[in-house]
Amino acid sequence: MAAGPWDVQTPNFCDSSFGVAAAALSHVAETLTERGKKLNVRCVLVEENQDAFTKLEAYAESVSRPGFRVDALGGQFVSQLPAIQKIIRDAGNSAFRFVFLDPKGWADIPMSEIRPLLNVRGSEVVVNLMTRFMIRFLEQEDRAESFRGLFGRDEVLPILDETPAAEKHDALVREYCKSLHQLCGFKYVSSAIILEPKSDDIRYFLVYGTNHHRGVEVFKTAETKAARLQDHIRHEAAVQKSGGQDNMMGALFGGEAPKSDYAFTLWQRYCGKAKRKVIERILAAPAQGVAFAELFCDAMAFPLVTPADLHGWLSQWHDAIELRLDGEKRKKPSPDHDDRVVLKDAVKLRSFVRS
């Protein structure tokens, strides 16, 4: 992953993004080893700035140990891809790769260059997509080539040009998710939204690609926790600004009532999009229905939407669908089982699109 930019307060970099990530991976490796499951972990950190790289190199040496190694590479991320691929090959054919891309600019991660790194079965990726900054430069002709490189698909720019300003953020994320799916082969692509703490604006999106529904579950659990924290911070700022008046909203937001008006509006919007996607999938399914795991991943592809939201919709649609749960006595379907959703009444189900 790219290591910078840095904003640290400790000399050992334990509060940096790469320090936190490396510490978490080290803890996982140690825990599994204690349970008799040896796991060899190698972290690769890339830093372009020479002075910062010197510090990063010292950090890598200080935390490396048998079974856990950190490699620091100096230079642009793309230029170091051959070295990264060699490290992966040295780890063995079955090595799982998790890639975190946090570029300083979208031109730093052209799809044609990162595709060979990502387009393998045993891989996952998280990309920091700075949509707010990207929107600023969409209209500039001299940036067109860099945008085409980012998405890897020529048809994206015309689509973005025709998209209304209010929908630019969603369109950028949707098209990037489509590129990860089509060009890098990820079966499931999801996204999380990060808001500005003191204003009604989107800071950036995190886009996640995986080939297993379990990865989607983990990603959404992390997003829900982060969304609640963001909502609390934004709510506190709004209360202070309004002189202490608490304006509670009454709809579910991952099991809690969202307090920020802006977060609530976004949640409603993405729930509407996710609900339509799920209904379309059920309506198009064959007679034996559709696997709940597929519906789960369809719904969780949208920011702020939670498993609780999906279960709530299925409960509301009980007259239009049938839940067929596999095996154990369970009240709710799970993506970890061969549970299916079967259409009973298409007319009734379509009526929920507008509800």
Protein backbone atom coordinates (compact mmCIF):
# COMPACT_ATOMS: atom_id res chain seq x y z
CA MET A 1 0.00 0.00 0.00
CA ALA A 2 1.05 3.62 -0.37
CA ALA A 3 2.47 4.86 2.95
CA GLY A 4 1.94 8.63 2.79
CA PRO A 5 0.95 11.33 3.36
CA TRP A 6 1.77 11.11 7.07
CA ASP A 7 0.23 12.91 10.03
CA VAL A 8 1.77 11.35 13.12
CA GLN A 9 2.36 12.40 16.71
CA THR A 10 4.52 9.48 17.88
CA PRO A 11 8.17 8.79 16.99
CA ASN A 12 7.56 5.08 16.27
CA PHE A 13 4.71 5.81 13.78
CA CYS A 14 2.25 3.68 15.74
CA ASP A 15 -0.49 6.26 15.08
CA SER A 16 0.10 6.38 11.32
CA SER A 17 -2.24 4.55 8.96
CA PHE A 18 0.48 2.08 7.97
CA GLY A 19 1.54 1.66 11.60
CA VAL A 20 -2.00 0.79 12.68
CA ALA A 21 -2.40 -1.61 9.73
CA ALA A 22 0.92 -3.33 10.38
CA ALA A 23 0.17 -3.66 14.10
CA ALA A 24 -3.22 -5.24 13.33
CA LEU A 25 -1.69 -7.74 10.90
CA SER A 26 1.07 -8.55 13.38
CA HIS A 27 -1.52 -9.22 16.09
CA VAL A 28 -3.50 -11.52 13.77
CA ALA A 29 -0.33 -13.47 12.89
CA GLU A 30 0.62 -13.87 16.54
CA THR A 31 -2.88 -14.96 17.56
CA LEU A 32 -3.11 -17.58 14.82
CA THR A 33 0.36 -18.88 15.64
CA GLU A 34 -0.67 -19.30 19.28
CA ARG A 35 -3.63 -21.36 18.06
CA GLY A 36 -1.35 -23.61 16.05
CA LYS A 37 -2.03 -22.00 12.66
CA LYS A 38 1.19 -20.50 11.43
CA LEU A 39 0.71 -17.47 9.18
CA ASN A 40 3.54 -15.76 7.36
CA VAL A 41 2.73 -12.10 6.74
CA ARG A 42 4.59 -9.65 4.53
CA CYS A 43 3.61 -6.00 4.32
CA VAL A 44 4.79 -3.84 1.44
CA LEU A 45 4.79 -0.07 1.96
CA VAL A 46 5.56 2.36 -0.87
CA GLU A 47 6.72 5.94 -0.33
CA GLU A 48 7.75 8.39 -3.05
CA ASN A 49 9.32 11.14 -0.89
CA GLN A 50 12.98 10.28 -0.25
CA ASP A 51 13.21 11.75 3.25
CA ALA A 52 10.00 10.02 4.31
CA PHE A 53 11.17 6.77 2.72
CA THR A 54 14.33 6.79 4.86
CA LYS A 55 12.15 6.94 7.98
CA LEU A 56 9.81 4.30 6.58
CA GLU A 57 12.73 1.99 5.89
CA ALA A 58 13.90 2.31 9.49
CA TYR A 59 10.37 1.61 10.70
CA ALA A 60 10.16 -1.51 8.52
CA GLU A 61 13.39 -2.89 9.95
CA SER A 62 12.30 -2.17 13.52
CA VAL A 63 9.02 -4.12 13.36
CA SER A 64 10.07 -7.06 11.15
CA ARG A 65 10.50 -10.44 12.84
CA PRO A 66 10.26 -14.12 11.87
CA GLY A 67 6.82 -14.73 10.38
CA PHE A 68 6.12 -11.01 10.00
CA ARG A 69 8.11 -8.86 7.61
CA VAL A 70 7.63 -5.30 6.42
CA ASP A 71 9.25 -4.23 3.13
CA ALA A 72 9.68 -0.54 2.34
CA LEU A 73 9.97 0.46 -1.31
CA GLY A 74 10.97 3.93 -2.50
CA GLY A 75 9.45 5.61 -5.55
CA GLN A 76 6.09 5.94 -7.27
CA PHE A 77 3.66 3.12 -6.61
CA VAL A 78 3.33 2.16 -10.28
CA SER A 79 7.09 2.03 -10.76
CA GLN A 80 7.36 -0.41 -7.85
CA LEU A 81 4.73 -2.84 -9.13
CA PRO A 82 7.34 -5.26 -10.59
CA ALA A 83 9.09 -5.38 -7.21
CA ILE A 84 5.77 -5.94 -5.44
CA GLN A 85 4.87 -8.76 -7.83
CA LYS A 86 8.24 -10.40 -7.15
CA ILE A 87 7.64 -10.26 -3.39
CA ILE A 88 4.26 -11.92 -3.93
CA ARG A 89 5.78 -14.64 -6.13
CA ASP A 90 8.44 -15.31 -3.51
CA ALA A 91 5.65 -15.84 -0.96
CA GLY A 92 4.26 -18.75 -2.99
CA ASN A 93 1.49 -19.45 -5.48
CA SER A 94 -1.25 -19.51 -2.84
CA ALA A 95 -0.32 -16.18 -1.23
CA PHE A 96 -3.34 -14.01 -0.45
CA ARG A 97 -2.90 -10.34 -1.27
CA PHE A 98 -4.70 -7.41 0.33
CA VAL A 99 -4.05 -4.11 -1.43
CA PHE A 100 -4.80 -0.69 0.02
CA LEU A 101 -4.47 2.19 -2.45
CA ASP A 102 -4.44 5.69 -0.97
CA PRO A 103 -3.10 7.79 -3.87
CA LYS A 104 -2.27 11.48 -3.71
CA GLY A 105 -4.00 11.81 -7.08
CA TRP A 106 -6.12 9.57 -9.27
CA ALA A 107 -3.44 9.55 -11.99
CA ASP A 108 -1.20 7.53 -9.64
CA ILE A 109 -3.26 4.32 -9.98
CA PRO A 110 -4.11 3.76 -13.67
CA MET A 111 -6.28 0.69 -14.11
CA SER A 112 -4.07 -0.82 -16.80
CA GLU A 113 -1.11 -0.84 -14.38
CA ILE A 114 -2.84 -2.14 -11.25
CA ARG A 115 -5.00 -4.70 -13.06
CA PRO A 116 -2.31 -7.45 -13.14
CA LEU A 117 -1.81 -7.01 -9.40
CA LEU A 118 -5.51 -7.28 -8.58
CA ASN A 119 -6.92 -9.63 -11.21
CA VAL A 120 -6.27 -12.86 -9.31
CA ARG A 121 -8.69 -14.96 -7.28
CA GLY A 122 -6.89 -14.60 -3.96
CA SER A 123 -6.92 -10.83 -3.67
CA GLU A 124 -8.87 -7.96 -2.13
CA VAL A 125 -8.51 -4.21 -2.56
CA VAL A 126 -9.55 -1.02 -0.80
CA VAL A 127 -9.23 2.22 -2.76
CA ASN A 128 -9.52 5.73 -1.34
CA LEU A 129 -11.50 7.54 -4.05
CA MET A 130 -11.32 11.30 -3.51
CA THR A 131 -14.48 12.15 -5.43
CA ARG A 132 -14.68 15.72 -4.11
CA PHE A 133 -11.36 16.63 -5.73
CA MET A 134 -12.06 14.61 -8.85
CA ILE A 135 -15.26 16.55 -9.51
CA ARG A 136 -13.31 19.82 -9.55
CA PHE A 137 -11.27 18.70 -12.54
CA LEU A 138 -13.81 16.70 -14.54
CA GLU A 139 -14.44 19.57 -16.94
CA GLN A 140 -10.76 20.23 -17.68
CA GLU A 141 -9.67 18.81 -21.03
CA ASP A 142 -6.06 18.29 -19.93
CA ARG A 143 -7.23 15.89 -17.21
CA ALA A 144 -9.28 13.67 -19.53
CA GLU A 145 -6.49 11.18 -20.20
CA SER A 146 -5.79 10.70 -16.49
CA PHE A 147 -9.49 9.98 -15.86
CA ARG A 148 -9.55 7.46 -18.70
CA GLY A 149 -6.50 5.83 -17.14
CA LEU A 150 -8.13 5.65 -13.71
CA PHE A 151 -11.26 3.88 -14.95
CA GLY A 152 -9.67 1.92 -17.79
CA ARG A 153 -12.83 2.37 -19.86
CA ASP A 154 -13.31 5.03 -22.55
CA GLU A 155 -17.07 5.22 -22.09
CA VAL A 156 -16.88 6.57 -18.54
CA LEU A 157 -16.15 10.24 -19.28
CA PRO A 158 -19.18 10.71 -21.58
CA ILE A 159 -21.34 9.12 -18.85
CA LEU A 160 -19.95 11.50 -16.24
CA ASP A 161 -20.41 14.50 -18.55
CA GLU A 162 -24.13 13.75 -18.81
CA THR A 163 -24.58 13.16 -15.07
CA PRO A 164 -26.25 16.01 -13.10
CA ALA A 165 -23.97 17.79 -10.65
CA ALA A 166 -25.86 16.47 -7.61
CA GLU A 167 -25.20 12.89 -8.72
CA LYS A 168 -21.51 13.20 -9.69
CA HIS A 169 -20.20 11.57 -6.49
CA ASP A 170 -22.39 8.50 -6.94
CA ALA A 171 -21.59 8.25 -10.66
CA LEU A 172 -17.82 8.34 -10.04
CA VAL A 173 -18.07 5.59 -7.43
CA ARG A 174 -20.48 3.50 -9.51
CA GLU A 175 -18.24 3.59 -12.58
CA TYR A 176 -15.10 2.81 -10.57
CA CYS A 177 -16.86 -0.14 -8.94
CA LYS A 178 -17.84 -1.31 -12.41
CA SER A 179 -14.21 -1.12 -13.55
CA LEU A 180 -13.02 -3.19 -10.59
CA HIS A 181 -15.71 -5.74 -11.40
CA GLN A 182 -15.24 -5.90 -15.16
CA LEU A 183 -11.49 -5.37 -15.52
CA CYS A 184 -10.08 -6.75 -12.27
CA GLY A 185 -12.54 -9.62 -11.91
CA PHE A 186 -13.86 -8.89 -8.43
CA LYS A 187 -17.17 -10.66 -7.89
CA TYR A 188 -18.37 -8.22 -5.23
CA VAL A 189 -17.61 -4.51 -4.98
CA SER A 190 -18.88 -2.36 -2.13
CA SER A 191 -18.34 1.22 -1.00
CA ALA A 192 -18.32 3.25 2.20
CA ILE A 193 -18.78 6.99 2.54
CA ILE A 194 -16.68 9.34 4.66
CA LEU A 195 -18.29 12.70 5.43
CA GLU A 196 -16.84 16.05 6.34
CA PRO A 197 -17.15 16.33 10.14
CA LYS A 198 -18.43 19.91 10.24
CA SER A 199 -20.18 20.44 6.92
CA ASP A 200 -22.79 18.74 4.76
CA ASP A 201 -20.39 17.34 2.21
CA ILE A 202 -18.75 14.09 1.18
CA ARG A 203 -15.02 13.88 1.90
CA TYR A 204 -14.24 10.65 0.06
CA PHE A 205 -15.38 7.08 -0.59
CA LEU A 206 -13.66 3.82 0.21
CA VAL A 207 -14.24 1.26 -2.53
CA TYR A 208 -13.74 -2.41 -1.66
CA GLY A 209 -13.38 -5.36 -4.01
CA THR A 210 -13.51 -9.02 -2.98
CA ASN A 211 -14.47 -12.44 -4.30
CA HIS A 212 -16.20 -13.74 -1.17
CA HIS A 213 -19.32 -12.55 0.63
CA ARG A 214 -17.54 -12.91 3.99
CA GLY A 215 -15.31 -10.01 2.98
CA VAL A 216 -18.40 -7.89 2.31
CA GLU A 217 -19.72 -8.74 5.79
CA VAL A 218 -16.49 -7.63 7.45
CA PHE A 219 -16.31 -4.45 5.37
CA LYS A 220 -19.90 -3.49 6.18
CA THR A 221 -19.39 -4.15 9.90
CA ALA A 222 -16.45 -1.74 9.87
CA GLU A 223 -18.42 0.81 7.83
CA THR A 224 -21.38 0.69 10.22
CA LYS A 225 -19.14 1.37 13.22
CA ALA A 226 -17.45 4.24 11.38
CA ALA A 227 -20.80 5.65 10.22
CA ARG A 228 -22.13 5.71 13.77
CA LEU A 229 -19.01 7.49 14.97
CA GLN A 230 -19.24 10.03 12.14
CA ASP A 231 -22.92 10.58 12.87
CA HIS A 232 -22.18 11.18 16.56
CA ILE A 233 -19.44 13.71 15.77
CA ARG A 234 -21.59 15.56 13.25
CA HIS A 235 -24.56 15.56 15.63
CA GLU A 236 -22.49 16.97 18.48
CA ALA A 237 -21.21 19.74 16.21
CA ALA A 238 -24.78 20.55 15.10
CA VAL A 239 -26.08 20.60 18.68
CA GLN A 240 -23.32 22.99 19.74
CA LYS A 241 -24.03 25.21 16.75
CA SER A 242 -27.77 25.31 17.50
CA GLY A 243 -27.25 26.13 21.15
CA GLY A 244 -27.90 22.63 22.49
CA GLN A 245 -31.16 21.66 20.79
CA ASP A 246 -31.24 17.91 20.04
CA ASN A 247 -33.02 16.98 16.81
CA MET A 248 -33.45 13.18 16.87
CA MET A 249 -34.49 11.33 13.72
CA GLY A 250 -36.84 8.36 13.98
CA ALA A 251 -35.61 5.89 11.35
CA LEU A 252 -33.25 2.97 11.79
CA PHE A 253 -29.60 3.51 10.93
CA GLY A 254 -27.73 0.29 11.54
CA GLY A 255 -29.99 -0.33 14.52
CA GLU A 256 -29.80 3.25 15.82
CA ALA A 257 -31.54 6.52 15.02
CA PRO A 258 -29.34 8.81 12.90
CA LYS A 259 -28.98 12.26 14.40
CA SER A 260 -27.39 14.16 11.55
CA ASP A 261 -29.93 15.41 9.00
CA TYR A 262 -27.40 15.07 6.18
CA ALA A 263 -26.43 11.51 7.12
CA PHE A 264 -30.10 10.60 7.40
CA THR A 265 -30.81 12.00 3.92
CA LEU A 266 -27.89 10.06 2.44
CA TRP A 267 -28.98 6.88 4.21
CA GLN A 268 -32.49 7.24 2.80
CA ARG A 269 -31.14 7.79 -0.71
CA TYR A 270 -28.82 4.79 -0.68
CA CYS A 271 -31.46 2.56 0.91
CA GLY A 272 -33.79 3.48 -1.95
CA LYS A 273 -31.17 2.52 -4.53
CA ALA A 274 -30.30 -0.72 -2.73
CA LYS A 275 -33.96 -1.68 -2.31
CA ARG A 276 -34.60 -1.25 -6.04
CA LYS A 277 -31.55 -3.36 -6.86
CA VAL A 278 -32.69 -6.19 -4.57
CA ILE A 279 -36.23 -6.14 -5.95
CA GLU A 280 -34.95 -6.23 -9.53
CA ARG A 281 -32.77 -9.25 -8.67
CA ILE A 282 -35.70 -11.13 -7.11
CA LEU A 283 -38.02 -10.34 -10.03
CA ALA A 284 -35.43 -11.58 -12.55
CA ALA A 285 -34.62 -14.79 -10.65
CA PRO A 286 -35.63 -18.26 -11.92
CA ALA A 287 -38.36 -20.35 -10.28
CA GLN A 288 -36.02 -21.67 -7.57
CA GLY A 289 -35.36 -18.10 -6.47
CA VAL A 290 -32.12 -16.26 -5.77
CA ALA A 291 -29.48 -16.99 -3.14
CA PHE A 292 -29.72 -14.68 -0.14
CA ALA A 293 -25.92 -14.24 -0.31
CA GLU A 294 -26.32 -12.58 -3.72
CA LEU A 295 -29.05 -10.25 -2.45
CA PHE A 296 -26.88 -9.46 0.56
CA CYS A 297 -23.95 -8.42 -1.61
CA ASP A 298 -26.23 -6.45 -3.96
CA ALA A 299 -27.60 -4.40 -1.07
CA MET A 300 -24.30 -3.98 0.76
CA ALA A 301 -22.72 -2.52 -2.39
CA PHE A 302 -24.31 0.80 -1.43
CA PRO A 303 -22.88 3.09 1.27
CA LEU A 304 -24.60 3.29 4.69
CA VAL A 305 -26.94 0.36 3.92
CA THR A 306 -26.73 -2.29 6.65
CA PRO A 307 -27.77 -5.94 7.01
CA ALA A 308 -30.50 -4.75 9.37
CA ASP A 309 -31.95 -2.68 6.52
CA LEU A 310 -32.05 -5.69 4.20
CA HIS A 311 -33.67 -7.94 6.81
CA GLY A 312 -36.24 -5.23 7.44
CA TRP A 313 -37.20 -5.05 3.76
CA LEU A 314 -37.54 -8.82 3.46
CA SER A 315 -39.81 -8.80 6.50
CA GLN A 316 -41.98 -6.07 4.94
CA TRP A 317 -42.25 -8.08 1.71
CA HIS A 318 -43.46 -11.28 3.39
CA ASP A 319 -46.66 -11.35 1.27
CA ALA A 320 -44.67 -11.08 -1.97
CA ILE A 321 -41.72 -13.41 -1.31
CA GLU A 322 -40.91 -16.68 0.46
CA LEU A 323 -37.78 -17.22 2.54
CA ARG A 324 -36.39 -20.74 2.27
CA LEU A 325 -33.83 -21.26 5.01
CA ASP A 326 -31.40 -24.14 4.71
CA GLY A 327 -30.82 -26.61 7.51
CA GLU A 328 -30.76 -25.16 11.00
CA LYS A 329 -33.74 -23.57 12.68
CA ARG A 330 -33.12 -19.90 12.07
CA LYS A 331 -35.49 -16.95 11.83
CA LYS A 332 -33.30 -14.84 9.55
CA PRO A 333 -31.46 -15.76 6.34
CA SER A 334 -27.67 -15.66 6.35
CA PRO A 335 -25.13 -15.32 3.54
CA ASP A 336 -23.17 -18.13 5.20
CA HIS A 337 -25.92 -20.66 4.39
CA ASP A 338 -27.69 -21.86 1.28
CA ASP A 339 -30.74 -19.71 1.97
CA ARG A 340 -32.90 -18.52 -0.91
CA VAL A 341 -35.56 -15.91 -1.61
CA VAL A 342 -38.40 -17.02 -3.91
CA LEU A 343 -40.88 -14.71 -5.61
CA LYS A 344 -44.57 -15.29 -4.82
CA ASP A 345 -46.30 -12.15 -6.11
CA ALA A 346 -44.52 -9.92 -8.63
CA VAL A 347 -47.20 -7.20 -8.53
CA LYS A 348 -46.98 -6.83 -4.75
CA LEU A 349 -43.19 -6.83 -4.83
CA ARG A 350 -43.09 -4.11 -7.50
CA SER A 351 -45.33 -1.96 -5.31
CA PHE A 352 -42.51 -1.71 -2.76
CA VAL A 353 -40.18 -0.01 -5.24
CA ARG A 354 -41.84 3.34 -4.51
CA SER A 355 -42.40 2.78 -0.80
